[in-house]
Amino acid sequence: MSTAQHNALHGKTLEQILTELVAHYQWQGLAERIDVRCFKSNPTIKSSLTFLRKTPWAREKVEQLYVKMQRQA
């Protein structure tokens, strides 16, 4: 993880990151950007967090999207 990416994520929990992404993109927009079933089929914060905590590649994609969103703001 790069220094710039680390700074954007510093002090943020995965739940905070996911909540902000859902508020910004909605579930459908998130599913379009990151192709995982937990964002497409009856998505909830709780079920998505469970999946992301067990799946490093998906968590990394979520973190990258969050950093990109922060840069655009």
Protein backbone atom coordinates (compact mmCIF):
# COMPACT_ATOMS: atom_id res chain seq x y z
CA MET A 1 0.00 0.00 0.00
CA SER A 2 1.43 3.39 -0.96
CA THR A 3 1.98 6.22 1.51
CA ALA A 4 -0.74 8.37 -0.06
CA GLN A 5 -3.21 5.50 0.11
CA HIS A 6 -2.27 4.78 3.71
CA ASN A 7 -2.85 8.43 4.72
CA ALA A 8 -6.35 8.47 3.21
CA LEU A 9 -7.23 5.30 5.13
CA HIS A 10 -5.52 6.27 8.39
CA GLY A 11 -7.91 6.11 11.32
CA LYS A 12 -10.79 4.76 9.23
CA THR A 13 -12.44 1.46 10.01
CA LEU A 14 -13.63 -0.79 7.21
CA GLU A 15 -17.19 -0.10 8.34
CA GLN A 16 -16.68 3.67 8.03
CA ILE A 17 -15.13 3.26 4.58
CA LEU A 18 -17.95 1.04 3.35
CA THR A 19 -20.63 3.31 4.81
CA GLU A 20 -19.15 6.34 3.05
CA LEU A 21 -18.88 4.45 -0.25
CA VAL A 22 -22.51 3.31 -0.04
CA ALA A 23 -23.62 6.86 0.77
CA HIS A 24 -21.70 8.17 -2.25
CA TYR A 25 -22.28 5.45 -4.88
CA GLN A 26 -25.32 3.56 -3.49
CA TRP A 27 -25.21 -0.26 -3.58
CA GLN A 28 -25.82 -0.45 -7.33
CA GLY A 29 -22.98 1.92 -8.13
CA LEU A 30 -20.68 0.04 -5.80
CA ALA A 31 -21.60 -3.26 -7.47
CA GLU A 32 -20.84 -1.74 -10.89
CA ARG A 33 -17.38 -0.68 -9.74
CA ILE A 34 -16.49 -3.78 -7.70
CA ASP A 35 -17.88 -7.05 -9.01
CA VAL A 36 -18.71 -9.00 -5.86
CA ARG A 37 -22.01 -10.69 -5.04
CA CYS A 38 -22.31 -9.15 -1.57
CA PHE A 39 -22.89 -5.76 -3.25
CA LYS A 40 -25.46 -7.13 -5.72
CA SER A 41 -27.70 -9.59 -3.91
CA ASN A 42 -29.56 -8.20 -0.86
CA PRO A 43 -26.60 -6.06 0.22
CA THR A 44 -26.18 -4.98 3.82
CA ILE A 45 -23.28 -3.37 5.64
CA LYS A 46 -23.02 -6.36 8.00
CA SER A 47 -22.91 -9.06 5.31
CA SER A 48 -20.50 -7.02 3.19
CA LEU A 49 -18.16 -6.45 6.15
CA THR A 50 -18.12 -10.18 6.87
CA PHE A 51 -17.16 -10.92 3.27
CA LEU A 52 -14.58 -8.14 3.01
CA ARG A 53 -12.85 -9.15 6.23
CA LYS A 54 -12.39 -12.69 4.89
CA THR A 55 -11.44 -11.69 1.33
CA PRO A 56 -8.27 -9.58 1.09
CA TRP A 57 -8.48 -8.89 -2.67
CA ALA A 58 -12.02 -7.52 -2.35
CA ARG A 59 -11.09 -5.41 0.67
CA GLU A 60 -8.18 -3.95 -1.27
CA LYS A 61 -10.50 -2.98 -4.13
CA VAL A 62 -12.86 -1.29 -1.67
CA GLU A 63 -9.96 0.61 -0.11
CA GLN A 64 -8.68 1.67 -3.54
CA LEU A 65 -12.13 2.93 -4.55
CA TYR A 66 -12.36 4.87 -1.28
CA VAL A 67 -8.99 6.54 -1.90
CA LYS A 68 -10.07 7.42 -5.45
CA MET A 69 -13.33 8.90 -4.13
CA GLN A 70 -11.42 10.98 -1.57
CA ARG A 71 -9.09 12.36 -4.25
CA GLN A 72 -12.04 13.41 -6.40
CA ALA A 73 -13.76 15.22 -3.53
